[in-house]
Structures are given as C-alpha cells and as structure tokens.
Amino acid sequence: MDDEAAVGTSGGAQLPLSMVSEGQTVLVSRVRGSQELRQHLAELGFVQGASVKVVSRVNGDVLVSVKGATFGIGRDMAQKIATC
C-alpha cells in the first residue's frame, strides 16, 4: 500500500483532526500515511469508528482524549487522521 492507503473509509464529510475545534468529540473515519504510521496510530487507539475528544489545540497540534488516555500529537500526524 502507498502513503494514501486508508485504515477505514466513511461516506460523510471529513475533517483532519488538526482542524477539529477544542472541546469537540469526533469519530475517526480513516488514517492516512505509511503502514508504520498507521500501525502506530492504531496502537494509540486511532482506529475507524473510535471516538476522539480534542481537549485543546495550538497551531494544529492537538491534545486529545482517546480510549481513556490523553496525549498530545503534532500537526503533521493530526493531518493524517480524518474525522467525521
């Protein structure tokens, strides 16, 4: 698979996690990137259908809560996570 391979797909409008508003909860619709990156994000809980709450964001970097854990991810990684 290439860099655009998807973990999952959704028919609705999608927004990168880096653009989700603070306090909003969204669902992961797909994850783009290399197999290694997709595997890493899946291990953190970013799988299709997972609920993710954006706790705070600064310049595209986000502090998120997913599956009971809260952690920060950078803008580049957050751009690869499509939400709906």
PDB file of N, CA and C in Angstrom:
ATOM      1  N   MET A   1       0.837  -1.187   0.000  1.00  0.00           N
ATOM      2  CA  MET A   1       0.000   0.000   0.000  1.00  0.00           C
ATOM      3  C   MET A   1       0.879   1.246   0.000  1.00  0.00           C
ATOM      4  N   ASP A   2       0.341   2.338  -0.476  1.00  0.00           N
ATOM      5  CA  ASP A   2       1.124   3.558  -0.536  1.00  0.00           C
ATOM      6  C   ASP A   2       0.775   4.504   0.610  1.00  0.00           C
ATOM      7  N   ASP A   3       1.301   5.730   0.556  1.00  0.00           N
ATOM      8  CA  ASP A   3       1.082   6.695   1.623  1.00  0.00           C
ATOM      9  C   ASP A   3      -0.375   7.101   1.783  1.00  0.00           C
ATOM     10  N   GLU A   4      -1.186   6.899   0.782  1.00  0.00           N
ATOM     11  CA  GLU A   4      -2.585   7.299   0.854  1.00  0.00           C
ATOM     12  C   GLU A   4      -3.498   6.151   1.240  1.00  0.00           C
ATOM     13  N   ALA A   5      -2.942   5.012   1.587  1.00  0.00           N
ATOM     14  CA  ALA A   5      -3.758   3.862   1.978  1.00  0.00           C
ATOM     15  C   ALA A   5      -4.571   4.218   3.211  1.00  0.00           C
ATOM     16  N   ALA A   6      -5.781   3.734   3.273  1.00  0.00           N
ATOM     17  CA  ALA A   6      -6.681   4.084   4.359  1.00  0.00           C
ATOM     18  C   ALA A   6      -6.920   2.907   5.278  1.00  0.00           C
ATOM     19  N   VAL A   7      -7.028   3.206   6.561  1.00  0.00           N
ATOM     20  CA  VAL A   7      -7.402   2.193   7.535  1.00  0.00           C
ATOM     21  C   VAL A   7      -8.886   1.932   7.416  1.00  0.00           C
ATOM     22  N   GLY A   8      -9.653   2.954   7.171  1.00  0.00           N
ATOM     23  CA  GLY A   8     -11.101   2.819   7.031  1.00  0.00           C
ATOM     24  C   GLY A   8     -11.615   3.951   6.173  1.00  0.00           C
ATOM     25  N   THR A   9     -12.862   3.871   5.782  1.00  0.00           N
ATOM     26  CA  THR A   9     -13.444   4.931   4.966  1.00  0.00           C
ATOM     27  C   THR A   9     -14.819   5.274   5.481  1.00  0.00           C
ATOM     28  N   SER A  10     -15.272   6.437   5.124  1.00  0.00           N
ATOM     29  CA  SER A  10     -16.592   6.902   5.512  1.00  0.00           C
ATOM     30  C   SER A  10     -17.152   7.735   4.380  1.00  0.00           C
ATOM     31  N   GLY A  11     -18.467   7.699   4.216  1.00  0.00           N
ATOM     32  CA  GLY A  11     -19.084   8.417   3.115  1.00  0.00           C
ATOM     33  C   GLY A  11     -19.337   9.881   3.393  1.00  0.00           C
ATOM     34  N   GLY A  12     -19.259  10.330   4.673  1.00  0.00           N
ATOM     35  CA  GLY A  12     -19.589  11.699   5.023  1.00  0.00           C
ATOM     36  C   GLY A  12     -18.437  12.658   4.824  1.00  0.00           C
ATOM     37  N   ALA A  13     -18.706  13.939   5.174  1.00  0.00           N
ATOM     38  CA  ALA A  13     -17.661  14.953   5.098  1.00  0.00           C
ATOM     39  C   ALA A  13     -16.583  14.643   6.125  1.00  0.00           C
ATOM     40  N   GLN A  14     -15.344  14.852   5.730  1.00  0.00           N
ATOM     41  CA  GLN A  14     -14.239  14.532   6.614  1.00  0.00           C
ATOM     42  C   GLN A  14     -13.414  15.780   6.891  1.00  0.00           C
ATOM     43  N   LEU A  15     -12.878  15.856   8.109  1.00  0.00           N
ATOM     44  CA  LEU A  15     -12.065  16.980   8.533  1.00  0.00           C
ATOM     45  C   LEU A  15     -10.833  16.416   9.220  1.00  0.00           C
ATOM     46  N   PRO A  16      -9.644  16.906   8.889  1.00  0.00           N
ATOM     47  CA  PRO A  16      -8.454  16.409   9.583  1.00  0.00           C
ATOM     48  C   PRO A  16      -8.542  16.738  11.075  1.00  0.00           C
ATOM     49  N   LEU A  17      -8.024  15.865  11.901  1.00  0.00           N
ATOM     50  CA  LEU A  17      -8.052  16.074  13.344  1.00  0.00           C
ATOM     51  C   LEU A  17      -7.406  17.398  13.731  1.00  0.00           C
ATOM     52  N   SER A  18      -6.425  17.837  12.979  1.00  0.00           N
ATOM     53  CA  SER A  18      -5.738  19.102  13.286  1.00  0.00           C
ATOM     54  C   SER A  18      -6.649  20.317  13.158  1.00  0.00           C
ATOM     55  N   MET A  19      -7.811  20.159  12.515  1.00  0.00           N
ATOM     56  CA  MET A  19      -8.735  21.278  12.317  1.00  0.00           C
ATOM     57  C   MET A  19      -9.999  21.177  13.167  1.00  0.00           C
ATOM     58  N   VAL A  20     -10.102  20.141  13.978  1.00  0.00           N
ATOM     59  CA  VAL A  20     -11.270  19.968  14.840  1.00  0.00           C
ATOM     60  C   VAL A  20     -11.198  20.972  15.991  1.00  0.00           C
ATOM     61  N   SER A  21     -12.320  21.568  16.333  1.00  0.00           N
ATOM     62  CA  SER A  21     -12.369  22.583  17.381  1.00  0.00           C
ATOM     63  C   SER A  21     -12.136  22.004  18.766  1.00  0.00           C
ATOM     64  N   GLU A  22     -11.551  22.810  19.611  1.00  0.00           N
ATOM     65  CA  GLU A  22     -11.327  22.438  21.006  1.00  0.00           C
ATOM     66  C   GLU A  22     -12.657  22.103  21.674  1.00  0.00           C
ATOM     67  N   GLY A  23     -12.701  21.006  22.408  1.00  0.00           N
ATOM     68  CA  GLY A  23     -13.914  20.585  23.099  1.00  0.00           C
ATOM     69  C   GLY A  23     -14.829  19.689  22.282  1.00  0.00           C
ATOM     70  N   GLN A  24     -14.568  19.570  20.984  1.00  0.00           N
ATOM     71  CA  GLN A  24     -15.408  18.761  20.102  1.00  0.00           C
ATOM     72  C   GLN A  24     -15.001  17.294  20.155  1.00  0.00           C
ATOM     73  N   THR A  25     -15.991  16.406  20.084  1.00  0.00           N
ATOM     74  CA  THR A  25     -15.745  14.971  20.005  1.00  0.00           C
ATOM     75  C   THR A  25     -16.118  14.505  18.606  1.00  0.00           C
ATOM     76  N   VAL A  26     -15.233  13.758  17.978  1.00  0.00           N
ATOM     77  CA  VAL A  26     -15.436  13.283  16.605  1.00  0.00           C
ATOM     78  C   VAL A  26     -15.135  11.794  16.534  1.00  0.00           C
ATOM     79  N   LEU A  27     -15.471  11.201  15.404  1.00  0.00           N
ATOM     80  CA  LEU A  27     -15.149   9.801  15.148  1.00  0.00           C
ATOM     81  C   LEU A  27     -14.053   9.721  14.097  1.00  0.00           C
ATOM     82  N   VAL A  28     -13.137   8.790  14.267  1.00  0.00           N
ATOM     83  CA  VAL A  28     -12.091   8.572  13.270  1.00  0.00           C
ATOM     84  C   VAL A  28     -12.726   7.868  12.077  1.00  0.00           C
ATOM     85  N   SER A  29     -12.537   8.426  10.882  1.00  0.00           N
ATOM     86  CA  SER A  29     -13.085   7.792   9.686  1.00  0.00           C
ATOM     87  C   SER A  29     -12.005   7.060   8.890  1.00  0.00           C
ATOM     88  N   ARG A  30     -10.770   7.578   8.927  1.00  0.00           N
ATOM     89  CA  ARG A  30      -9.661   6.884   8.268  1.00  0.00           C
ATOM     90  C   ARG A  30      -8.346   7.504   8.714  1.00  0.00           C
ATOM     91  N   VAL A  31      -7.284   6.738   8.507  1.00  0.00           N
ATOM     92  CA  VAL A  31      -5.937   7.208   8.839  1.00  0.00           C
ATOM     93  C   VAL A  31      -5.076   7.004   7.607  1.00  0.00           C
ATOM     94  N   ARG A  32      -4.403   8.074   7.186  1.00  0.00           N
ATOM     95  CA  ARG A  32      -3.519   8.008   6.024  1.00  0.00           C
ATOM     96  C   ARG A  32      -2.080   7.935   6.475  1.00  0.00           C
ATOM     97  N   GLY A  33      -1.208   7.530   5.583  1.00  0.00           N
ATOM     98  CA  GLY A  33       0.211   7.518   5.886  1.00  0.00           C
ATOM     99  C   GLY A  33       0.823   6.161   5.625  1.00  0.00           C
ATOM    100  N   SER A  34       2.073   6.036   6.000  1.00  0.00           N
ATOM    101  CA  SER A  34       2.792   4.777   5.796  1.00  0.00           C
ATOM    102  C   SER A  34       2.194   3.696   6.688  1.00  0.00           C
ATOM    103  N   GLN A  35       2.477   2.450   6.368  1.00  0.00           N
ATOM    104  CA  GLN A  35       1.993   1.336   7.179  1.00  0.00           C
ATOM    105  C   GLN A  35       2.491   1.480   8.615  1.00  0.00           C
ATOM    106  N   GLU A  36       3.733   1.894   8.778  1.00  0.00           N
ATOM    107  CA  GLU A  36       4.305   2.061  10.116  1.00  0.00           C
ATOM    108  C   GLU A  36       3.540   3.124  10.912  1.00  0.00           C
ATOM    109  N   LEU A  37       3.235   4.252  10.287  1.00  0.00           N
ATOM    110  CA  LEU A  37       2.495   5.313  10.965  1.00  0.00           C
ATOM    111  C   LEU A  37       1.082   4.857  11.291  1.00  0.00           C
ATOM    112  N   ARG A  38       0.411   4.219  10.346  1.00  0.00           N
ATOM    113  CA  ARG A  38      -0.960   3.751  10.593  1.00  0.00           C
ATOM    114  C   ARG A  38      -0.987   2.745  11.741  1.00  0.00           C
ATOM    115  N   GLN A  39       0.019   1.861  11.799  1.00  0.00           N
ATOM    116  CA  GLN A  39       0.100   0.879  12.883  1.00  0.00           C
ATOM    117  C   GLN A  39       0.314   1.582  14.225  1.00  0.00           C
ATOM    118  N   HIS A  40       1.209   2.562  14.246  1.00  0.00           N
ATOM    119  CA  HIS A  40       1.483   3.313  15.471  1.00  0.00           C
ATOM    120  C   HIS A  40       0.212   4.006  15.966  1.00  0.00           C
ATOM    121  N   LEU A  41      -0.499   4.680  15.067  1.00  0.00           N
ATOM    122  CA  LEU A  41      -1.717   5.379  15.455  1.00  0.00           C
ATOM    123  C   LEU A  41      -2.801   4.405  15.901  1.00  0.00           C
ATOM    124  N   ALA A  42      -2.885   3.241  15.261  1.00  0.00           N
ATOM    125  CA  ALA A  42      -3.857   2.224  15.671  1.00  0.00           C
ATOM    126  C   ALA A  42      -3.562   1.752  17.095  1.00  0.00           C
ATOM    127  N   GLU A  43      -2.290   1.597  17.419  1.00  0.00           N
ATOM    128  CA  GLU A  43      -1.912   1.173  18.766  1.00  0.00           C
ATOM    129  C   GLU A  43      -2.254   2.222  19.816  1.00  0.00           C
ATOM    130  N   LEU A  44      -2.315   3.486  19.407  1.00  0.00           N
ATOM    131  CA  LEU A  44      -2.713   4.566  20.306  1.00  0.00           C
ATOM    132  C   LEU A  44      -4.235   4.667  20.427  1.00  0.00           C
ATOM    133  N   GLY A  45      -4.964   3.963  19.563  1.00  0.00           N
ATOM    134  CA  GLY A  45      -6.426   3.988  19.617  1.00  0.00           C
ATOM    135  C   GLY A  45      -7.099   4.667  18.449  1.00  0.00           C
ATOM    136  N   PHE A  46      -6.323   5.173  17.491  1.00  0.00           N
ATOM    137  CA  PHE A  46      -6.897   5.848  16.325  1.00  0.00           C
ATOM    138  C   PHE A  46      -7.269   4.818  15.265  1.00  0.00           C
ATOM    139  N   VAL A  47      -8.419   4.188  15.472  1.00  0.00           N
ATOM    140  CA  VAL A  47      -8.947   3.195  14.541  1.00  0.00           C
ATOM    141  C   VAL A  47     -10.302   3.671  14.057  1.00  0.00           C
ATOM    142  N   GLN A  48     -10.746   3.162  12.928  1.00  0.00           N
ATOM    143  CA  GLN A  48     -12.020   3.562  12.360  1.00  0.00           C
ATOM    144  C   GLN A  48     -13.128   3.407  13.399  1.00  0.00           C
ATOM    145  N   GLY A  49     -13.909   4.476  13.569  1.00  0.00           N
ATOM    146  CA  GLY A  49     -15.027   4.459  14.496  1.00  0.00           C
ATOM    147  C   GLY A  49     -14.693   4.878  15.914  1.00  0.00           C
ATOM    148  N   ALA A  50     -13.406   5.059  16.228  1.00  0.00           N
ATOM    149  CA  ALA A  50     -13.008   5.460  17.582  1.00  0.00           C
ATOM    150  C   ALA A  50     -13.445   6.895  17.855  1.00  0.00           C
ATOM    151  N   SER A  51     -13.922   7.130  19.051  1.00  0.00           N
ATOM    152  CA  SER A  51     -14.316   8.462  19.484  1.00  0.00           C
ATOM    153  C   SER A  51     -13.091   9.190  20.022  1.00  0.00           C
ATOM    154  N   VAL A  52     -12.889  10.418  19.537  1.00  0.00           N
ATOM    155  CA  VAL A  52     -11.729  11.220  19.939  1.00  0.00           C
ATOM    156  C   VAL A  52     -12.228  12.603  20.353  1.00  0.00           C
ATOM    157  N   LYS A  53     -11.848  13.029  21.552  1.00  0.00           N
ATOM    158  CA  LYS A  53     -12.194  14.372  22.012  1.00  0.00           C
ATOM    159  C   LYS A  53     -10.956  15.249  21.955  1.00  0.00           C
ATOM    160  N   VAL A  54     -11.091  16.408  21.349  1.00  0.00           N
ATOM    161  CA  VAL A  54      -9.996  17.380  21.299  1.00  0.00           C
ATOM    162  C   VAL A  54     -10.064  18.201  22.584  1.00  0.00           C
ATOM    163  N   VAL A  55      -9.075  18.006  23.444  1.00  0.00           N
ATOM    164  CA  VAL A  55      -9.029  18.700  24.729  1.00  0.00           C
ATOM    165  C   VAL A  55      -8.562  20.135  24.519  1.00  0.00           C
ATOM    166  N   SER A  56      -7.516  20.309  23.721  1.00  0.00           N
ATOM    167  CA  SER A  56      -7.040  21.644  23.360  1.00  0.00           C
ATOM    168  C   SER A  56      -6.234  21.542  22.072  1.00  0.00           C
ATOM    169  N   ARG A  57      -6.039  22.695  21.443  1.00  0.00           N
ATOM    170  CA  ARG A  57      -5.238  22.720  20.219  1.00  0.00           C
ATOM    171  C   ARG A  57      -4.511  24.045  20.117  1.00  0.00           C
ATOM    172  N   VAL A  58      -3.297  23.973  19.557  1.00  0.00           N
ATOM    173  CA  VAL A  58      -2.482  25.162  19.341  1.00  0.00           C
ATOM    174  C   VAL A  58      -1.780  24.995  18.009  1.00  0.00           C
ATOM    175  N   ASN A  59      -2.101  25.855  17.051  1.00  0.00           N
ATOM    176  CA  ASN A  59      -1.459  25.838  15.733  1.00  0.00           C
ATOM    177  C   ASN A  59      -1.488  24.467  15.062  1.00  0.00           C
ATOM    178  N   GLY A  60      -2.574  23.738  15.225  1.00  0.00           N
ATOM    179  CA  GLY A  60      -2.697  22.433  14.586  1.00  0.00           C
ATOM    180  C   GLY A  60      -2.248  21.274  15.442  1.00  0.00           C
ATOM    181  N   ASP A  61      -1.392  21.528  16.442  1.00  0.00           N
ATOM    182  CA  ASP A  61      -1.021  20.482  17.397  1.00  0.00           C
ATOM    183  C   ASP A  61      -2.224  20.279  18.312  1.00  0.00           C
ATOM    184  N   VAL A  62      -2.499  19.044  18.691  1.00  0.00           N
ATOM    185  CA  VAL A  62      -3.698  18.793  19.487  1.00  0.00           C
ATOM    186  C   VAL A  62      -3.414  17.923  20.702  1.00  0.00           C
ATOM    187  N   LEU A  63      -4.119  18.210  21.776  1.00  0.00           N
ATOM    188  CA  LEU A  63      -4.154  17.364  22.961  1.00  0.00           C
ATOM    189  C   LEU A  63      -5.492  16.651  22.880  1.00  0.00           C
ATOM    190  N   VAL A  64      -5.459  15.322  22.814  1.00  0.00           N
ATOM    191  CA  VAL A  64      -6.668  14.546  22.585  1.00  0.00           C
ATOM    192  C   VAL A  64      -6.892  13.518  23.680  1.00  0.00           C
ATOM    193  N   SER A  65      -8.143  13.116  23.805  1.00  0.00           N
ATOM    194  CA  SER A  65      -8.516  12.027  24.699  1.00  0.00           C
ATOM    195  C   SER A  65      -9.116  10.940  23.818  1.00  0.00           C
ATOM    196  N   VAL A  66      -8.509   9.755  23.857  1.00  0.00           N
ATOM    197  CA  VAL A  66      -8.990   8.638  23.057  1.00  0.00           C
ATOM    198  C   VAL A  66      -8.858   7.361  23.889  1.00  0.00           C
ATOM    199  N   LYS A  67      -9.944   6.623  23.986  1.00  0.00           N
ATOM    200  CA  LYS A  67      -9.979   5.359  24.727  1.00  0.00           C
ATOM    201  C   LYS A  67      -9.402   5.481  26.132  1.00  0.00           C
ATOM    202  N   GLY A  68      -9.773   6.566  26.823  1.00  0.00           N
ATOM    203  CA  GLY A  68      -9.367   6.749  28.210  1.00  0.00           C
ATOM    204  C   GLY A  68      -7.993   7.340  28.435  1.00  0.00           C
ATOM    205  N   ALA A  69      -7.237   7.560  27.384  1.00  0.00           N
ATOM    206  CA  ALA A  69      -5.900   8.144  27.510  1.00  0.00           C
ATOM    207  C   ALA A  69      -5.893   9.549  26.911  1.00  0.00           C
ATOM    208  N   THR A  70      -5.107  10.425  27.509  1.00  0.00           N
ATOM    209  CA  THR A  70      -4.956  11.787  26.997  1.00  0.00           C
ATOM    210  C   THR A  70      -3.498  11.999  26.639  1.00  0.00           C
ATOM    211  N   PHE A  71      -3.261  12.483  25.424  1.00  0.00           N
ATOM    212  CA  PHE A  71      -1.893  12.743  24.985  1.00  0.00           C
ATOM    213  C   PHE A  71      -1.904  13.753  23.852  1.00  0.00           C
ATOM    214  N   GLY A  72      -0.730  14.291  23.565  1.00  0.00           N
ATOM    215  CA  GLY A  72      -0.591  15.277  22.501  1.00  0.00           C
ATOM    216  C   GLY A  72      -0.021  14.658  21.236  1.00  0.00           C
ATOM    217  N   ILE A  73      -0.492  15.142  20.104  1.00  0.00           N
ATOM    218  CA  ILE A  73       0.091  14.747  18.823  1.00  0.00           C
ATOM    219  C   ILE A  73       0.338  16.002  17.996  1.00  0.00           C
ATOM    220  N   GLY A  74       1.363  15.934  17.176  1.00  0.00           N
ATOM    221  CA  GLY A  74       1.746  17.077  16.353  1.00  0.00           C
ATOM    222  C   GLY A  74       0.824  17.284  15.172  1.00  0.00           C
ATOM    223  N   ARG A  75       0.932  18.465  14.602  1.00  0.00           N
ATOM    224  CA  ARG A  75       0.099  18.858  13.469  1.00  0.00           C
ATOM    225  C   ARG A  75       0.237  17.895  12.291  1.00  0.00           C
ATOM    226  N   ASP A  76       1.459  17.485  11.961  1.00  0.00           N
ATOM    227  CA  ASP A  76       1.664  16.602  10.812  1.00  0.00           C
ATOM    228  C   ASP A  76       0.938  15.272  10.993  1.00  0.00           C
ATOM    229  N   MET A  77       1.021  14.711  12.193  1.00  0.00           N
ATOM    230  CA  MET A  77       0.339  13.451  12.457  1.00  0.00           C
ATOM    231  C   MET A  77      -1.176  13.659  12.499  1.00  0.00           C
ATOM    232  N   ALA A  78      -1.615  14.761  13.101  1.00  0.00           N
ATOM    233  CA  ALA A  78      -3.053  15.047  13.196  1.00  0.00           C
ATOM    234  C   ALA A  78      -3.665  15.266  11.809  1.00  0.00           C
ATOM    235  N   GLN A  79      -2.876  15.767  10.857  1.00  0.00           N
ATOM    236  CA  GLN A  79      -3.366  15.963   9.487  1.00  0.00           C
ATOM    237  C   GLN A  79      -3.710  14.634   8.823  1.00  0.00           C
ATOM    238  N   LYS A  80      -3.082  13.553   9.241  1.00  0.00           N
ATOM    239  CA  LYS A  80      -3.284  12.245   8.626  1.00  0.00           C
ATOM    240  C   LYS A  80      -4.494  11.496   9.170  1.00  0.00           C
ATOM    241  N   ILE A  81      -5.115  12.042  10.225  1.00  0.00           N
ATOM    242  CA  ILE A  81      -6.279  11.398  10.839  1.00  0.00           C
ATOM    243  C   ILE A  81      -7.534  12.129  10.370  1.00  0.00           C
ATOM    244  N   ALA A  82      -8.329  11.476   9.529  1.00  0.00           N
ATOM    245  CA  ALA A  82      -9.579  12.066   9.025  1.00  0.00           C
ATOM    246  C   ALA A  82     -10.692  11.732   9.999  1.00  0.00           C
ATOM    247  N   THR A  83     -11.539  12.719  10.283  1.00  0.00           N
ATOM    248  CA  THR A  83     -12.628  12.543  11.234  1.00  0.00           C
ATOM    249  C   THR A  83     -13.960  12.908  10.594  1.00  0.00           C
ATOM    250  N   CYS A  84     -15.020  12.457  11.219  1.00  0.00           N
ATOM    251  CA  CYS A  84     -16.363  12.847  10.770  1.00  0.00           C
ATOM    252  C   CYS A  84     -17.244  13.083  11.976  1.00  0.00           C
TER     253      CYS A  84
END
